[in-house]
Amino acid sequence: MTRTLTISALMFAAIATLVVVSVVLIGHGPNQPLMSDEQKEAHKALFGSDKDLPPITKGQEMQPRW
């Protein structure tokens, strides 16, 4: 009986932790931006602009050239 209570208490604690983490991570409101302006500038500097890639021309390879 003690083993069953211990396992169920651990399961309950794990589920409660997952719920709290998901609320914290997903719980930002729709009015809050995902990234601040400073973060957006750093993202653009690191990954380049957020423009779409040019279309693939006929006969162009899709695989990277190593």
Foldseek 3Di string as FASTA:
>chain_A
DVVVVVVVVVVVVVVVVVVVVCCVVVVDDPVDDPDDPVVVVVCCVVVNDPDDDDDDDPPDDPDDDD
